Protein backbone atom coordinates (compact mmCIF):
# COMPACT_ATOMS: atom_id res chain seq x y z
CA UNK A 1 -0.78 -13.46 16.58
CA UNK A 2 0.05 -17.37 16.31
CA UNK A 3 1.40 -17.59 12.58
CA UNK A 4 0.21 -21.08 12.12
CA UNK A 5 -3.54 -19.65 12.16
CA UNK A 6 -2.82 -17.21 9.52
CA UNK A 7 -2.94 -17.40 5.90
CA UNK A 8 -1.21 -15.63 2.91
CA UNK A 9 -2.78 -15.34 -0.75
CA UNK A 10 -1.64 -14.31 -4.31
CA UNK A 11 -3.52 -12.45 -6.74
CA UNK A 12 -2.66 -13.82 -9.99
CA UNK A 13 -3.06 -13.69 -13.79
CA UNK A 14 -1.94 -16.41 -15.95
CA UNK A 15 0.84 -15.16 -18.13
CA UNK A 16 -0.58 -15.17 -21.40
CA UNK A 17 0.67 -13.38 -24.91
CA UNK A 18 -0.77 -10.42 -25.29
CA UNK A 19 -2.73 -10.26 -21.71
CA UNK A 20 0.10 -9.67 -19.29
CA UNK A 21 2.52 -6.70 -18.54
CA UNK A 22 0.79 -4.26 -21.16
CA UNK A 23 3.27 -1.22 -20.13
CA UNK A 24 6.29 -3.67 -20.27
CA UNK A 25 5.08 -5.15 -23.82
CA UNK A 26 5.27 -1.55 -25.12
CA UNK A 27 9.04 -1.30 -24.86
CA UNK A 28 9.66 -5.24 -25.29
CA UNK A 29 7.63 -7.74 -26.93
CA UNK A 30 4.39 -9.54 -25.58
CA UNK A 31 6.12 -12.41 -25.50
CA UNK A 32 9.12 -10.89 -23.27
CA UNK A 33 6.39 -8.90 -21.26
CA UNK A 34 5.02 -12.50 -20.33
CA UNK A 35 8.66 -13.84 -19.51
CA UNK A 36 8.75 -11.44 -16.81
CA UNK A 37 5.14 -11.77 -15.29
CA UNK A 38 5.64 -15.68 -15.24
CA UNK A 39 9.11 -15.25 -13.64
CA UNK A 40 7.64 -12.67 -10.82
CA UNK A 41 4.99 -14.91 -10.16
CA UNK A 42 7.04 -17.82 -9.55
CA UNK A 43 9.55 -15.81 -7.39
CA UNK A 44 6.33 -14.63 -5.60
CA UNK A 45 5.05 -18.07 -4.89
CA UNK A 46 8.54 -19.14 -3.80
CA UNK A 47 8.34 -16.23 -1.40
CA UNK A 48 4.96 -17.45 -0.09
CA UNK A 49 6.17 -21.31 0.25
CA UNK A 50 9.13 -20.15 2.33
CA UNK A 51 6.73 -18.13 4.69
CA UNK A 52 5.93 -19.32 8.44
CA UNK A 53 2.46 -19.48 7.90
CA UNK A 54 -0.74 -21.90 8.26
CA UNK A 55 -2.10 -21.58 4.95
CA UNK A 56 -0.86 -20.80 1.26
CA UNK A 57 -3.67 -20.06 -1.60
CA UNK A 58 -3.46 -18.67 -5.26
CA UNK A 59 -6.28 -16.33 -6.28
CA UNK A 60 -6.24 -17.06 -9.87
CA UNK A 61 -7.61 -15.77 -13.16
CA UNK A 62 -8.48 -16.80 -15.83
CA UNK A 63 -11.09 -19.97 -14.64
CA UNK A 64 -9.52 -21.78 -17.95
CA UNK A 65 -6.24 -21.54 -16.37
CA UNK A 66 -6.65 -23.82 -13.25
CA UNK A 67 -4.82 -26.59 -14.69
CA UNK A 68 -1.84 -24.62 -15.63
CA UNK A 69 -1.66 -23.07 -12.01
CA UNK A 70 -2.40 -26.50 -10.32
CA UNK A 71 0.43 -28.07 -12.19
CA UNK A 72 2.94 -25.44 -11.98
CA UNK A 73 2.24 -24.12 -8.50
CA UNK A 74 1.89 -27.80 -6.89
CA UNK A 75 0.94 -27.77 -2.94
CA UNK A 76 -0.96 -24.39 -3.25
CA UNK A 77 -4.61 -24.35 -2.70
CA UNK A 78 -6.46 -22.50 -5.36
CA UNK A 79 -9.16 -20.02 -5.18
CA UNK A 80 -10.83 -19.02 -8.50
CA UNK A 81 -11.33 -14.97 -8.87
CA UNK A 82 -15.12 -14.17 -9.74
CA UNK A 83 -14.14 -11.43 -12.21
CA UNK A 84 -11.59 -9.69 -13.57
CA UNK A 85 -12.36 -6.94 -10.96
CA UNK A 86 -9.84 -6.72 -8.41
CA UNK A 87 -11.90 -5.32 -5.80
CA UNK A 88 -14.29 -8.25 -6.17
CA UNK A 89 -11.89 -10.71 -6.30
CA UNK A 90 -10.05 -9.62 -3.05
CA UNK A 91 -13.73 -9.59 -1.20
CA UNK A 92 -14.01 -13.10 -2.59
CA UNK A 93 -10.50 -14.44 -1.62
CA UNK A 94 -10.65 -13.03 1.99
CA UNK A 95 -14.33 -14.20 2.56
CA UNK A 96 -13.37 -17.46 1.85
CA UNK A 97 -10.03 -17.85 3.60
CA UNK A 98 -11.63 -16.54 7.10
CA UNK A 99 -14.71 -19.04 6.16
CA UNK A 100 -12.17 -21.80 6.48
CA UNK A 101 -10.81 -20.62 10.11
CA UNK A 102 -7.91 -18.38 9.32
CA UNK A 103 -7.61 -15.69 12.44
CA UNK A 104 -5.63 -13.26 9.62
CA UNK A 105 -4.98 -13.10 6.01
CA UNK A 106 -2.50 -11.64 3.89
CA UNK A 107 -3.01 -10.46 0.11
CA UNK A 108 -0.02 -10.22 -1.89
CA UNK A 109 0.25 -9.39 -5.64
CA UNK A 110 2.97 -10.48 -7.81
CA UNK A 111 4.57 -7.37 -8.89
CA UNK A 112 6.99 -7.18 -6.48
CA UNK A 113 9.13 -10.31 -6.59
CA UNK A 114 12.08 -9.08 -4.59
CA UNK A 115 10.49 -8.41 -1.31
CA UNK A 116 12.62 -8.71 1.81
CA UNK A 117 11.91 -12.27 3.53
CA UNK A 118 10.25 -11.77 6.76
CA UNK A 119 7.79 -9.35 5.25
CA UNK A 120 4.88 -11.48 5.41
CA UNK A 121 5.53 -12.52 9.05
CA UNK A 122 5.71 -8.89 9.60
CA UNK A 123 2.57 -8.09 8.33
CA UNK A 124 0.65 -10.76 10.42
CA UNK A 125 2.49 -9.66 13.50
CA UNK A 126 1.04 -6.28 12.91
CA UNK A 127 -2.05 -7.46 13.14
CA UNK A 128 -1.81 -8.48 16.60
CA UNK A 129 -2.51 -4.81 17.71
CA UNK A 130 -3.88 -3.41 14.35
CA UNK A 131 -7.24 -4.25 12.17
CA UNK A 132 -5.42 -3.80 9.01
CA UNK A 133 -2.03 -3.77 7.84
CA UNK A 134 -0.66 -2.23 4.04
CA UNK A 135 2.28 -2.38 2.48
CA UNK A 136 2.66 0.73 0.05
CA UNK A 137 4.07 0.75 -3.29
CA UNK A 138 5.76 3.98 -4.42
CA UNK A 139 3.36 4.68 -7.13
CA UNK A 140 0.41 5.15 -5.02
CA UNK A 141 -0.70 1.44 -4.88
CA UNK A 142 -0.18 -1.31 -2.34
CA UNK A 143 1.84 -4.67 -2.58
CA UNK A 144 0.39 -6.20 0.56
CA UNK A 145 -2.91 -5.78 2.48
CA UNK A 146 -3.71 -7.71 5.55
CA UNK A 147 -7.01 -8.29 7.75
CA UNK A 148 -7.96 -10.26 10.85
CA UNK A 149 -11.52 -10.02 9.53
CA UNK A 150 -13.84 -9.39 6.33
CA UNK A 151 -14.08 -5.78 5.38
CA UNK A 152 -15.60 -5.90 2.31
CA UNK A 153 -16.50 -2.08 2.05
CA UNK A 154 -12.17 -1.67 1.84
CA UNK A 155 -12.56 -2.79 -1.41
CA UNK A 156 -15.26 -0.58 -3.00
CA UNK A 157 -15.29 2.51 -4.74
CA UNK A 158 -11.43 2.08 -5.55
CA UNK A 159 -10.04 3.24 -8.98
CA UNK A 160 -7.88 0.22 -9.39
CA UNK A 161 -5.14 0.59 -11.49
CA UNK A 162 -4.18 4.60 -10.61
CA UNK A 163 -2.07 6.40 -8.20
CA UNK A 164 -5.04 6.91 -5.79
CA UNK A 165 -5.74 3.25 -4.82
CA UNK A 166 -3.85 3.77 -1.58
CA UNK A 167 -5.41 7.11 -0.42
CA UNK A 168 -8.29 5.82 -1.10
CA UNK A 169 -7.93 2.82 0.93
CA UNK A 170 -7.06 4.84 3.74
CA UNK A 171 -10.03 7.03 3.63
CA UNK A 172 -12.05 3.96 3.65
CA UNK A 173 -9.98 2.58 6.57
CA UNK A 174 -11.11 5.71 8.36
CA UNK A 175 -14.60 5.80 7.90
CA UNK A 176 -14.88 2.04 9.15
CA UNK A 177 -12.92 2.95 12.08
CA UNK A 178 -9.93 0.51 11.34
CA UNK A 179 -6.75 0.93 12.83
CA UNK A 180 -3.55 0.71 10.36
CA UNK A 181 -0.40 -0.48 10.35
CA UNK A 182 1.97 0.46 7.44
CA UNK A 183 4.73 -1.46 6.26
CA UNK A 184 7.74 -0.21 4.49
CA UNK A 185 7.45 1.33 0.51
CA UNK A 186 8.61 -0.97 -1.96
CA UNK A 187 8.42 -0.37 -5.38
CA UNK A 188 6.36 -2.92 -8.18
CA UNK A 189 7.40 -3.56 -11.61
CA UNK A 190 4.85 -2.19 -14.33
CA UNK A 191 7.15 0.00 -16.57
CA UNK A 192 10.54 -1.08 -18.23
CA UNK A 193 12.94 1.27 -16.43
CA UNK A 194 11.96 -0.59 -13.36
CA UNK A 195 13.51 -3.38 -14.31
CA UNK A 196 16.89 -1.76 -13.84
CA UNK A 197 16.27 -1.71 -10.26
CA UNK A 198 15.11 -5.08 -9.82
CA UNK A 199 18.54 -6.14 -11.51
CA UNK A 200 20.12 -4.12 -9.05
CA UNK A 201 18.45 -5.64 -5.99
CA UNK A 202 19.86 -7.33 -3.08
CA UNK A 203 16.68 -9.86 -2.81
CA UNK A 204 16.38 -10.57 -6.41
CA UNK A 205 15.15 -14.33 -6.61
CA UNK A 206 16.21 -16.92 -9.04
CA UNK A 207 13.37 -16.74 -11.82
CA UNK A 208 13.71 -13.07 -12.22
CA UNK A 209 17.78 -13.30 -12.42
CA UNK A 210 17.20 -15.68 -15.23
CA UNK A 211 14.92 -13.83 -17.01
CA UNK A 212 16.90 -10.52 -16.82
CA UNK A 213 19.84 -12.73 -18.11
CA UNK A 214 17.71 -14.41 -20.93
CA UNK A 215 17.27 -11.22 -22.60
CA UNK A 216 20.30 -9.12 -21.31
CA UNK A 217 21.90 -7.99 -24.29
CA UNK A 218 18.74 -6.91 -26.62
CA UNK A 219 16.87 -5.78 -23.11
CA UNK A 220 20.01 -3.27 -22.70
CA UNK A 221 19.55 -2.17 -26.03
CA UNK A 222 15.86 -1.52 -25.62
CA UNK A 223 16.36 0.61 -22.62
CA UNK A 224 19.06 2.69 -24.37
CA UNK A 225 16.23 3.61 -26.80
CA UNK A 226 13.91 4.32 -24.35
CA UNK A 227 15.99 6.00 -21.92
CA UNK A 228 18.75 7.55 -23.25
CA UNK A 229 20.70 7.72 -19.89
CA UNK A 230 20.91 3.94 -19.54
CA UNK A 231 24.33 2.78 -19.92
CA UNK A 232 24.58 -0.32 -17.87
CA UNK A 233 23.66 -3.95 -19.52
CA UNK A 234 21.11 -5.36 -16.84
CA UNK A 235 23.20 -7.91 -14.39
CA UNK A 236 21.20 -9.36 -11.81
CA UNK A 237 23.08 -9.71 -8.32
CA UNK A 238 22.81 -13.24 -6.28
CA UNK A 239 20.55 -13.14 -3.48
CA UNK A 240 22.21 -12.67 -0.14
CA UNK A 241 22.08 -16.24 1.78
């Protein structure tokens, strides 16, 4: 499949204190949780901008955040989410992108900021042979989903935010007769202990690394209280060039 005729879009919420990364905020603070959400989104968009695709989009919420998204991510086309319902927002974004004439579209979340280079291209290549491509997360969801034509039924009757998302998606795909390609598992970052894995990641990107380093000492103390076996301060590794 011609990568130039394909598009990728990121599902994103504006990082606002009290409204982002609530599970991280339970152990950190609302301000620190938003620091990470902001960093993860910036790294994800950097990843998208480097991808060899024809179109790059950001599906955003809330509507009043448009100016922030437009000034922060210059050169990316914005798509407003219709509501906070993830299924409805995915349906809308895929429909809008296919309406623009793209042959394939891939959606990403912003909770996997250290995905390996080439993941987007691998997903699009899979759509040459398959109808649907999914990148599973280790908690039962997915970090990536791609299609070569609209399939709104795929996003209905899904228990979003639970460990059943991936299984329910596969069930829907089977009911629709879709041929499915599955990428390698990856982890998303919703809980504070996953920050340790990010800090040790060989593919950590600049904004995530800076966020970890900014609160290194206080965060390591927080982790020690929450997870007594944690003894190593967080130190990000340089991304391999």
